[in-house]
Amino acid sequence: MIVSMLQVIFEIPEVDSIKEKRRIILSMKDKLQRRFRMSAAEVDLQDSLSFGQVGAALVSNSRDFGESVLRKAFQMIEREIPVRIHDVSIYSEEF
């Protein structure tokens, strides 16, 4: 069993409230879950108004397949979510 993981640290420009930040992060998580059938959660930086960190994971039987799906998910984030990416990591673990 291969677990492929995506971690994205991003800045949300021009956000004035935690409510607005949560709306953007919820939209990101929903799109990842619906389009790519993966688990997603806000994993850190909850106290920051302008920064966020989301993690996502996908279980498969192939490292190449899992990481290719995560690369497509990251491309979707870049295209559709109004954030500035500061760091991204994609990696897989075999269990």
PDB file of N, CA and C in Angstrom:
ATOM      1  N   MET A   1       0.851  -1.166   0.000  1.00  0.00           N
ATOM      2  CA  MET A   1       0.000   0.000   0.000  1.00  0.00           C
ATOM      3  C   MET A   1       0.900   1.235   0.000  1.00  0.00           C
ATOM      4  N   ILE A   2       0.600   2.173  -0.904  1.00  0.00           N
ATOM      5  CA  ILE A   2       1.358   3.415  -1.033  1.00  0.00           C
ATOM      6  C   ILE A   2       0.460   4.573  -0.601  1.00  0.00           C
ATOM      7  N   VAL A   3       0.967   5.411   0.298  1.00  0.00           N
ATOM      8  CA  VAL A   3       0.256   6.622   0.703  1.00  0.00           C
ATOM      9  C   VAL A   3       1.039   7.809   0.141  1.00  0.00           C
ATOM     10  N   SER A   4       0.399   8.547  -0.765  1.00  0.00           N
ATOM     11  CA  SER A   4       1.019   9.728  -1.363  1.00  0.00           C
ATOM     12  C   SER A   4       0.446  10.956  -0.679  1.00  0.00           C
ATOM     13  N   MET A   5       1.341  11.908  -0.348  1.00  0.00           N
ATOM     14  CA  MET A   5       0.937  13.062   0.446  1.00  0.00           C
ATOM     15  C   MET A   5       1.351  14.365  -0.224  1.00  0.00           C
ATOM     16  N   LEU A   6       0.495  15.354  -0.083  1.00  0.00           N
ATOM     17  CA  LEU A   6       0.724  16.699  -0.595  1.00  0.00           C
ATOM     18  C   LEU A   6       0.627  17.663   0.576  1.00  0.00           C
ATOM     19  N   GLN A   7       1.590  18.575   0.670  1.00  0.00           N
ATOM     20  CA  GLN A   7       1.544  19.618   1.690  1.00  0.00           C
ATOM     21  C   GLN A   7       1.779  20.949   1.001  1.00  0.00           C
ATOM     22  N   VAL A   8       0.875  21.899   1.195  1.00  0.00           N
ATOM     23  CA  VAL A   8       0.967  23.212   0.558  1.00  0.00           C
ATOM     24  C   VAL A   8       0.901  24.296   1.634  1.00  0.00           C
ATOM     25  N   ILE A   9       1.892  25.175   1.634  1.00  0.00           N
ATOM     26  CA  ILE A   9       1.888  26.359   2.492  1.00  0.00           C
ATOM     27  C   ILE A   9       1.681  27.556   1.577  1.00  0.00           C
ATOM     28  N   PHE A  10       0.713  28.392   1.918  1.00  0.00           N
ATOM     29  CA  PHE A  10       0.344  29.472   1.010  1.00  0.00           C
ATOM     30  C   PHE A  10      -0.033  30.730   1.784  1.00  0.00           C
ATOM     31  N   GLU A  11       0.003  31.835   1.044  1.00  0.00           N
ATOM     32  CA  GLU A  11      -0.435  33.125   1.571  1.00  0.00           C
ATOM     33  C   GLU A  11      -1.747  33.478   0.891  1.00  0.00           C
ATOM     34  N   ILE A  12      -2.664  34.013   1.660  1.00  0.00           N
ATOM     35  CA  ILE A  12      -3.943  34.442   1.111  1.00  0.00           C
ATOM     36  C   ILE A  12      -3.933  35.970   1.130  1.00  0.00           C
ATOM     37  N   PRO A  13      -3.675  36.591  -0.022  1.00  0.00           N
ATOM     38  CA  PRO A  13      -3.576  38.049  -0.038  1.00  0.00           C
ATOM     39  C   PRO A  13      -4.933  38.719   0.144  1.00  0.00           C
ATOM     40  N   GLU A  14      -4.892  39.885   0.744  1.00  0.00           N
ATOM     41  CA  GLU A  14      -6.073  40.737   0.882  1.00  0.00           C
ATOM     42  C   GLU A  14      -7.232  40.096   1.653  1.00  0.00           C
ATOM     43  N   VAL A  15      -6.907  39.289   2.656  1.00  0.00           N
ATOM     44  CA  VAL A  15      -7.942  38.703   3.510  1.00  0.00           C
ATOM     45  C   VAL A  15      -8.065  39.574   4.757  1.00  0.00           C
ATOM     46  N   ASP A  16      -9.298  39.921   5.102  1.00  0.00           N
ATOM     47  CA  ASP A  16      -9.527  40.816   6.233  1.00  0.00           C
ATOM     48  C   ASP A  16     -10.092  40.122   7.466  1.00  0.00           C
ATOM     49  N   SER A  17     -10.517  38.861   7.312  1.00  0.00           N
ATOM     50  CA  SER A  17     -11.125  38.181   8.461  1.00  0.00           C
ATOM     51  C   SER A  17     -10.836  36.689   8.406  1.00  0.00           C
ATOM     52  N   ILE A  18     -10.901  36.075   9.576  1.00  0.00           N
ATOM     53  CA  ILE A  18     -10.737  34.617   9.661  1.00  0.00           C
ATOM     54  C   ILE A  18     -11.854  33.925   8.882  1.00  0.00           C
ATOM     55  N   LYS A  19     -13.034  34.502   8.899  1.00  0.00           N
ATOM     56  CA  LYS A  19     -14.172  33.925   8.180  1.00  0.00           C
ATOM     57  C   LYS A  19     -13.875  33.825   6.679  1.00  0.00           C
ATOM     58  N   GLU A  20     -13.281  34.856   6.118  1.00  0.00           N
ATOM     59  CA  GLU A  20     -12.928  34.841   4.697  1.00  0.00           C
ATOM     60  C   GLU A  20     -11.827  33.820   4.415  1.00  0.00           C
ATOM     61  N   LYS A  21     -10.842  33.737   5.320  1.00  0.00           N
ATOM     62  CA  LYS A  21      -9.776  32.743   5.172  1.00  0.00           C
ATOM     63  C   LYS A  21     -10.365  31.337   5.199  1.00  0.00           C
ATOM     64  N   ARG A  22     -11.255  31.066   6.136  1.00  0.00           N
ATOM     65  CA  ARG A  22     -11.868  29.743   6.246  1.00  0.00           C
ATOM     66  C   ARG A  22     -12.672  29.386   4.988  1.00  0.00           C
ATOM     67  N   ARG A  23     -13.336  30.379   4.400  1.00  0.00           N
ATOM     68  CA  ARG A  23     -14.105  30.138   3.176  1.00  0.00           C
ATOM     69  C   ARG A  23     -13.191  29.683   2.037  1.00  0.00           C
ATOM     70  N   ILE A  24     -12.037  30.318   1.891  1.00  0.00           N
ATOM     71  CA  ILE A  24     -11.093  29.960   0.832  1.00  0.00           C
ATOM     72  C   ILE A  24     -10.518  28.576   1.087  1.00  0.00           C
ATOM     73  N   ILE A  25     -10.131  28.296   2.324  1.00  0.00           N
ATOM     74  CA  ILE A  25      -9.557  26.985   2.643  1.00  0.00           C
ATOM     75  C   ILE A  25     -10.603  25.886   2.500  1.00  0.00           C
ATOM     76  N   LEU A  26     -11.828  26.131   2.915  1.00  0.00           N
ATOM     77  CA  LEU A  26     -12.896  25.142   2.745  1.00  0.00           C
ATOM     78  C   LEU A  26     -13.132  24.850   1.264  1.00  0.00           C
ATOM     79  N   SER A  27     -13.107  25.877   0.441  1.00  0.00           N
ATOM     80  CA  SER A  27     -13.268  25.688  -1.004  1.00  0.00           C
ATOM     81  C   SER A  27     -12.152  24.811  -1.556  1.00  0.00           C
ATOM     82  N   MET A  28     -10.914  25.064  -1.119  1.00  0.00           N
ATOM     83  CA  MET A  28      -9.777  24.265  -1.575  1.00  0.00           C
ATOM     84  C   MET A  28      -9.941  22.802  -1.163  1.00  0.00           C
ATOM     85  N   LYS A  29     -10.270  22.569   0.092  1.00  0.00           N
ATOM     86  CA  LYS A  29     -10.426  21.199   0.587  1.00  0.00           C
ATOM     87  C   LYS A  29     -11.559  20.477  -0.146  1.00  0.00           C
ATOM     88  N   ASP A  30     -12.686  21.147  -0.345  1.00  0.00           N
ATOM     89  CA  ASP A  30     -13.813  20.531  -1.045  1.00  0.00           C
ATOM     90  C   ASP A  30     -13.454  20.139  -2.471  1.00  0.00           C
ATOM     91  N   LYS A  31     -12.746  21.015  -3.173  1.00  0.00           N
ATOM     92  CA  LYS A  31     -12.344  20.704  -4.553  1.00  0.00           C
ATOM     93  C   LYS A  31     -11.391  19.513  -4.591  1.00  0.00           C
ATOM     94  N   LEU A  32     -10.448  19.461  -3.666  1.00  0.00           N
ATOM     95  CA  LEU A  32      -9.522  18.324  -3.615  1.00  0.00           C
ATOM     96  C   LEU A  32     -10.276  17.024  -3.335  1.00  0.00           C
ATOM     97  N   GLN A  33     -11.211  17.064  -2.404  1.00  0.00           N
ATOM     98  CA  GLN A  33     -11.948  15.860  -2.034  1.00  0.00           C
ATOM     99  C   GLN A  33     -12.881  15.402  -3.147  1.00  0.00           C
ATOM    100  N   ARG A  34     -13.601  16.330  -3.771  1.00  0.00           N
ATOM    101  CA  ARG A  34     -14.569  15.948  -4.797  1.00  0.00           C
ATOM    102  C   ARG A  34     -13.918  15.552  -6.109  1.00  0.00           C
ATOM    103  N   ARG A  35     -12.967  16.351  -6.583  1.00  0.00           N
ATOM    104  CA  ARG A  35     -12.371  16.091  -7.902  1.00  0.00           C
ATOM    105  C   ARG A  35     -11.367  14.945  -7.905  1.00  0.00           C
ATOM    106  N   PHE A  36     -10.617  14.813  -6.820  1.00  0.00           N
ATOM    107  CA  PHE A  36      -9.510  13.864  -6.816  1.00  0.00           C
ATOM    108  C   PHE A  36      -9.694  12.718  -5.835  1.00  0.00           C
ATOM    109  N   ARG A  37     -10.820  12.679  -5.139  1.00  0.00           N
ATOM    110  CA  ARG A  37     -11.131  11.590  -4.204  1.00  0.00           C
ATOM    111  C   ARG A  37     -10.003  11.364  -3.204  1.00  0.00           C
ATOM    112  N   MET A  38      -9.558  12.443  -2.577  1.00  0.00           N
ATOM    113  CA  MET A  38      -8.489  12.326  -1.583  1.00  0.00           C
ATOM    114  C   MET A  38      -8.929  12.980  -0.282  1.00  0.00           C
ATOM    115  N   SER A  39      -8.238  12.651   0.774  1.00  0.00           N
ATOM    116  CA  SER A  39      -8.484  13.290   2.067  1.00  0.00           C
ATOM    117  C   SER A  39      -7.721  14.601   2.103  1.00  0.00           C
ATOM    118  N   ALA A  40      -8.327  15.634   2.681  1.00  0.00           N
ATOM    119  CA  ALA A  40      -7.662  16.933   2.772  1.00  0.00           C
ATOM    120  C   ALA A  40      -8.067  17.609   4.076  1.00  0.00           C
ATOM    121  N   ALA A  41      -7.111  18.344   4.663  1.00  0.00           N
ATOM    122  CA  ALA A  41      -7.381  19.040   5.920  1.00  0.00           C
ATOM    123  C   ALA A  41      -6.438  20.228   6.066  1.00  0.00           C
ATOM    124  N   GLU A  42      -6.893  21.241   6.812  1.00  0.00           N
ATOM    125  CA  GLU A  42      -6.013  22.326   7.208  1.00  0.00           C
ATOM    126  C   GLU A  42      -5.167  21.776   8.356  1.00  0.00           C
ATOM    127  N   VAL A  43      -3.848  21.732   8.182  1.00  0.00           N
ATOM    128  CA  VAL A  43      -3.003  21.033   9.147  1.00  0.00           C
ATOM    129  C   VAL A  43      -2.175  21.944  10.040  1.00  0.00           C
ATOM    130  N   ASP A  44      -2.049  23.226   9.682  1.00  0.00           N
ATOM    131  CA  ASP A  44      -1.264  24.144  10.515  1.00  0.00           C
ATOM    132  C   ASP A  44      -1.593  25.580  10.126  1.00  0.00           C
ATOM    133  N   LEU A  45      -1.065  26.517  10.870  1.00  0.00           N
ATOM    134  CA  LEU A  45      -1.212  27.949  10.644  1.00  0.00           C
ATOM    135  C   LEU A  45      -2.652  28.432  10.796  1.00  0.00           C
ATOM    136  N   GLN A  46      -3.426  27.747  11.641  1.00  0.00           N
ATOM    137  CA  GLN A  46      -4.811  28.138  11.864  1.00  0.00           C
ATOM    138  C   GLN A  46      -4.912  29.515  12.512  1.00  0.00           C
ATOM    139  N   ASP A  47      -3.924  29.917  13.295  1.00  0.00           N
ATOM    140  CA  ASP A  47      -3.968  31.194  14.001  1.00  0.00           C
ATOM    141  C   ASP A  47      -3.541  32.376  13.137  1.00  0.00           C
ATOM    142  N   SER A  48      -2.960  32.095  11.982  1.00  0.00           N
ATOM    143  CA  SER A  48      -2.510  33.163  11.104  1.00  0.00           C
ATOM    144  C   SER A  48      -3.650  33.628  10.213  1.00  0.00           C
ATOM    145  N   LEU A  49      -3.775  34.931  10.053  1.00  0.00           N
ATOM    146  CA  LEU A  49      -4.833  35.471   9.205  1.00  0.00           C
ATOM    147  C   LEU A  49      -4.493  35.360   7.724  1.00  0.00           C
ATOM    148  N   SER A  50      -3.233  35.531   7.369  1.00  0.00           N
ATOM    149  CA  SER A  50      -2.889  35.597   5.953  1.00  0.00           C
ATOM    150  C   SER A  50      -2.152  34.371   5.416  1.00  0.00           C
ATOM    151  N   PHE A  51      -1.863  33.382   6.257  1.00  0.00           N
ATOM    152  CA  PHE A  51      -1.183  32.176   5.787  1.00  0.00           C
ATOM    153  C   PHE A  51      -1.997  30.941   6.146  1.00  0.00           C
ATOM    154  N   GLY A  52      -1.851  29.896   5.330  1.00  0.00           N
ATOM    155  CA  GLY A  52      -2.525  28.638   5.589  1.00  0.00           C
ATOM    156  C   GLY A  52      -1.662  27.468   5.168  1.00  0.00           C
ATOM    157  N   GLN A  53      -1.983  26.300   5.689  1.00  0.00           N
ATOM    158  CA  GLN A  53      -1.275  25.074   5.315  1.00  0.00           C
ATOM    159  C   GLN A  53      -2.303  23.959   5.207  1.00  0.00           C
ATOM    160  N   VAL A  54      -2.348  23.338   4.042  1.00  0.00           N
ATOM    161  CA  VAL A  54      -3.288  22.251   3.787  1.00  0.00           C
ATOM    162  C   VAL A  54      -2.495  20.999   3.434  1.00  0.00           C
ATOM    163  N   GLY A  55      -2.931  19.884   3.984  1.00  0.00           N
ATOM    164  CA  GLY A  55      -2.349  18.597   3.651  1.00  0.00           C
ATOM    165  C   GLY A  55      -3.402  17.724   2.996  1.00  0.00           C
ATOM    166  N   ALA A  56      -2.963  16.890   2.059  1.00  0.00           N
ATOM    167  CA  ALA A  56      -3.876  15.969   1.383  1.00  0.00           C
ATOM    168  C   ALA A  56      -3.172  14.632   1.216  1.00  0.00           C
ATOM    169  N   ALA A  57      -3.948  13.556   1.188  1.00  0.00           N
ATOM    170  CA  ALA A  57      -3.363  12.221   1.065  1.00  0.00           C
ATOM    171  C   ALA A  57      -4.242  11.341   0.191  1.00  0.00           C
ATOM    172  N   LEU A  58      -3.585  10.404  -0.480  1.00  0.00           N
ATOM    173  CA  LEU A  58      -4.244   9.482  -1.387  1.00  0.00           C
ATOM    174  C   LEU A  58      -3.601   8.107  -1.233  1.00  0.00           C
ATOM    175  N   VAL A  59      -4.405   7.085  -1.086  1.00  0.00           N
ATOM    176  CA  VAL A  59      -3.896   5.711  -0.967  1.00  0.00           C
ATOM    177  C   VAL A  59      -4.077   5.015  -2.304  1.00  0.00           C
ATOM    178  N   SER A  60      -3.015   4.360  -2.773  1.00  0.00           N
ATOM    179  CA  SER A  60      -3.084   3.619  -4.044  1.00  0.00           C
ATOM    180  C   SER A  60      -2.080   2.469  -3.988  1.00  0.00           C
ATOM    181  N   ASN A  61      -1.957   1.771  -5.087  1.00  0.00           N
ATOM    182  CA  ASN A  61      -0.982   0.681  -5.144  1.00  0.00           C
ATOM    183  C   ASN A  61       0.239   1.055  -5.987  1.00  0.00           C
ATOM    184  N   SER A  62       0.335   2.330  -6.403  1.00  0.00           N
ATOM    185  CA  SER A  62       1.437   2.768  -7.247  1.00  0.00           C
ATOM    186  C   SER A  62       1.923   4.154  -6.828  1.00  0.00           C
ATOM    187  N   ARG A  63       3.201   4.260  -6.594  1.00  0.00           N
ATOM    188  CA  ARG A  63       3.805   5.555  -6.245  1.00  0.00           C
ATOM    189  C   ARG A  63       3.633   6.551  -7.399  1.00  0.00           C
ATOM    190  N   ASP A  64       3.869   6.097  -8.628  1.00  0.00           N
ATOM    191  CA  ASP A  64       3.750   6.981  -9.792  1.00  0.00           C
ATOM    192  C   ASP A  64       2.330   7.509  -9.950  1.00  0.00           C
ATOM    193  N   PHE A  65       1.336   6.632  -9.794  1.00  0.00           N
ATOM    194  CA  PHE A  65      -0.052   7.056  -9.931  1.00  0.00           C
ATOM    195  C   PHE A  65      -0.412   8.071  -8.851  1.00  0.00           C
ATOM    196  N   GLY A  66      -0.100   7.767  -7.606  1.00  0.00           N
ATOM    197  CA  GLY A  66      -0.441   8.657  -6.504  1.00  0.00           C
ATOM    198  C   GLY A  66       0.184  10.025  -6.661  1.00  0.00           C
ATOM    199  N   GLU A  67       1.468  10.069  -7.007  1.00  0.00           N
ATOM    200  CA  GLU A  67       2.146  11.354  -7.143  1.00  0.00           C
ATOM    201  C   GLU A  67       1.660  12.116  -8.370  1.00  0.00           C
ATOM    202  N   SER A  68       1.259  11.429  -9.433  1.00  0.00           N
ATOM    203  CA  SER A  68       0.725  12.133 -10.605  1.00  0.00           C
ATOM    204  C   SER A  68      -0.628  12.770 -10.286  1.00  0.00           C
ATOM    205  N   VAL A  69      -1.466  12.089  -9.507  1.00  0.00           N
ATOM    206  CA  VAL A  69      -2.749  12.673  -9.093  1.00  0.00           C
ATOM    207  C   VAL A  69      -2.500  13.903  -8.218  1.00  0.00           C
ATOM    208  N   LEU A  70      -1.525  13.834  -7.324  1.00  0.00           N
ATOM    209  CA  LEU A  70      -1.230  14.971  -6.456  1.00  0.00           C
ATOM    210  C   LEU A  70      -0.663  16.147  -7.243  1.00  0.00           C
ATOM    211  N   ARG A  71       0.134  15.881  -8.276  1.00  0.00           N
ATOM    212  CA  ARG A  71       0.623  16.974  -9.120  1.00  0.00           C
ATOM    213  C   ARG A  71      -0.537  17.660  -9.836  1.00  0.00           C
ATOM    214  N   LYS A  72      -1.500  16.877 -10.315  1.00  0.00           N
ATOM    215  CA  LYS A  72      -2.690  17.459 -10.952  1.00  0.00           C
ATOM    216  C   LYS A  72      -3.501  18.270  -9.943  1.00  0.00           C
ATOM    217  N   ALA A  73      -3.598  17.783  -8.720  1.00  0.00           N
ATOM    218  CA  ALA A  73      -4.317  18.511  -7.675  1.00  0.00           C
ATOM    219  C   ALA A  73      -3.624  19.834  -7.382  1.00  0.00           C
ATOM    220  N   PHE A  74      -2.301  19.827  -7.330  1.00  0.00           N
ATOM    221  CA  PHE A  74      -1.564  21.064  -7.085  1.00  0.00           C
ATOM    222  C   PHE A  74      -1.760  22.048  -8.232  1.00  0.00           C
ATOM    223  N   GLN A  75      -1.764  21.564  -9.455  1.00  0.00           N
ATOM    224  CA  GLN A  75      -2.014  22.437 -10.610  1.00  0.00           C
ATOM    225  C   GLN A  75      -3.395  23.075 -10.517  1.00  0.00           C
ATOM    226  N   MET A  76      -4.379  22.328 -10.044  1.00  0.00           N
ATOM    227  CA  MET A  76      -5.720  22.870  -9.854  1.00  0.00           C
ATOM    228  C   MET A  76      -5.694  23.996  -8.813  1.00  0.00           C
ATOM    229  N   ILE A  77      -4.958  23.796  -7.723  1.00  0.00           N
ATOM    230  CA  ILE A  77      -4.850  24.830  -6.697  1.00  0.00           C
ATOM    231  C   ILE A  77      -4.246  26.101  -7.295  1.00  0.00           C
ATOM    232  N   GLU A  78      -3.176  25.945  -8.068  1.00  0.00           N
ATOM    233  CA  GLU A  78      -2.525  27.105  -8.684  1.00  0.00           C
ATOM    234  C   GLU A  78      -3.471  27.868  -9.610  1.00  0.00           C
ATOM    235  N   ARG A  79      -4.289  27.133 -10.370  1.00  0.00           N
ATOM    236  CA  ARG A  79      -5.189  27.759 -11.344  1.00  0.00           C
ATOM    237  C   ARG A  79      -6.434  28.378 -10.721  1.00  0.00           C
ATOM    238  N   GLU A  80      -7.022  27.707  -9.737  1.00  0.00           N
ATOM    239  CA  GLU A  80      -8.379  28.052  -9.316  1.00  0.00           C
ATOM    240  C   GLU A  80      -8.519  28.696  -7.942  1.00  0.00           C
ATOM    241  N   ILE A  81      -7.530  28.601  -7.108  1.00  0.00           N
ATOM    242  CA  ILE A  81      -7.644  29.123  -5.747  1.00  0.00           C
ATOM    243  C   ILE A  81      -6.811  30.410  -5.649  1.00  0.00           C
ATOM    244  N   PRO A  82      -7.377  31.496  -5.138  1.00  0.00           N
ATOM    245  CA  PRO A  82      -6.662  32.782  -5.101  1.00  0.00           C
ATOM    246  C   PRO A  82      -5.655  32.870  -3.953  1.00  0.00           C
ATOM    247  N   VAL A  83      -4.566  32.107  -4.070  1.00  0.00           N
ATOM    248  CA  VAL A  83      -3.518  32.107  -3.045  1.00  0.00           C
ATOM    249  C   VAL A  83      -2.151  32.226  -3.720  1.00  0.00           C
ATOM    250  N   ARG A  84      -1.148  32.641  -2.924  1.00  0.00           N
ATOM    251  CA  ARG A  84       0.250  32.649  -3.373  1.00  0.00           C
ATOM    252  C   ARG A  84       0.957  31.485  -2.704  1.00  0.00           C
ATOM    253  N   ILE A  85       1.468  30.570  -3.499  1.00  0.00           N
ATOM    254  CA  ILE A  85       2.135  29.378  -2.977  1.00  0.00           C
ATOM    255  C   ILE A  85       3.517  29.761  -2.448  1.00  0.00           C
ATOM    256  N   HIS A  86       3.815  29.327  -1.210  1.00  0.00           N
ATOM    257  CA  HIS A  86       5.139  29.553  -0.629  1.00  0.00           C
ATOM    258  C   HIS A  86       5.957  28.271  -0.597  1.00  0.00           C
ATOM    259  N   ASP A  87       5.314  27.134  -0.419  1.00  0.00           N
ATOM    260  CA  ASP A  87       6.045  25.869  -0.380  1.00  0.00           C
ATOM    261  C   ASP A  87       5.085  24.738  -0.721  1.00  0.00           C
ATOM    262  N   VAL A  88       5.592  23.758  -1.433  1.00  0.00           N
ATOM    263  CA  VAL A  88       4.794  22.577  -1.746  1.00  0.00           C
ATOM    264  C   VAL A  88       5.713  21.356  -1.675  1.00  0.00           C
ATOM    265  N   SER A  89       5.179  20.277  -1.149  1.00  0.00           N
ATOM    266  CA  SER A  89       5.934  19.025  -1.160  1.00  0.00           C
ATOM    267  C   SER A  89       4.989  17.889  -1.476  1.00  0.00           C
ATOM    268  N   ILE A  90       5.472  16.999  -2.315  1.00  0.00           N
ATOM    269  CA  ILE A  90       4.745  15.797  -2.701  1.00  0.00           C
ATOM    270  C   ILE A  90       5.683  14.627  -2.465  1.00  0.00           C
ATOM    271  N   TYR A  91       5.216  13.648  -1.711  1.00  0.00           N
ATOM    272  CA  TYR A  91       6.043  12.478  -1.467  1.00  0.00           C
ATOM    273  C   TYR A  91       5.146  11.290  -1.143  1.00  0.00           C
ATOM    274  N   SER A  92       5.750  10.118  -1.193  1.00  0.00           N
ATOM    275  CA  SER A  92       5.004   8.872  -0.955  1.00  0.00           C
ATOM    276  C   SER A  92       5.738   8.002   0.055  1.00  0.00           C
ATOM    277  N   GLU A  93       4.968   7.240   0.781  1.00  0.00           N
ATOM    278  CA  GLU A  93       5.504   6.260   1.734  1.00  0.00           C
ATOM    279  C   GLU A  93       4.862   4.910   1.434  1.00  0.00           C
ATOM    280  N   GLU A  94       5.637   3.854   1.561  1.00  0.00           N
ATOM    281  CA  GLU A  94       5.109   2.517   1.361  1.00  0.00           C
ATOM    282  C   GLU A  94       4.877   1.875   2.730  1.00  0.00           C
ATOM    283  N   PHE A  95       3.699   1.280   2.907  1.00  0.00           N
ATOM    284  CA  PHE A  95       3.357   0.610   4.160  1.00  0.00           C
ATOM    285  C   PHE A  95       3.069  -0.847   3.891  1.00  0.00           C
TER     286      PHE A  95
END
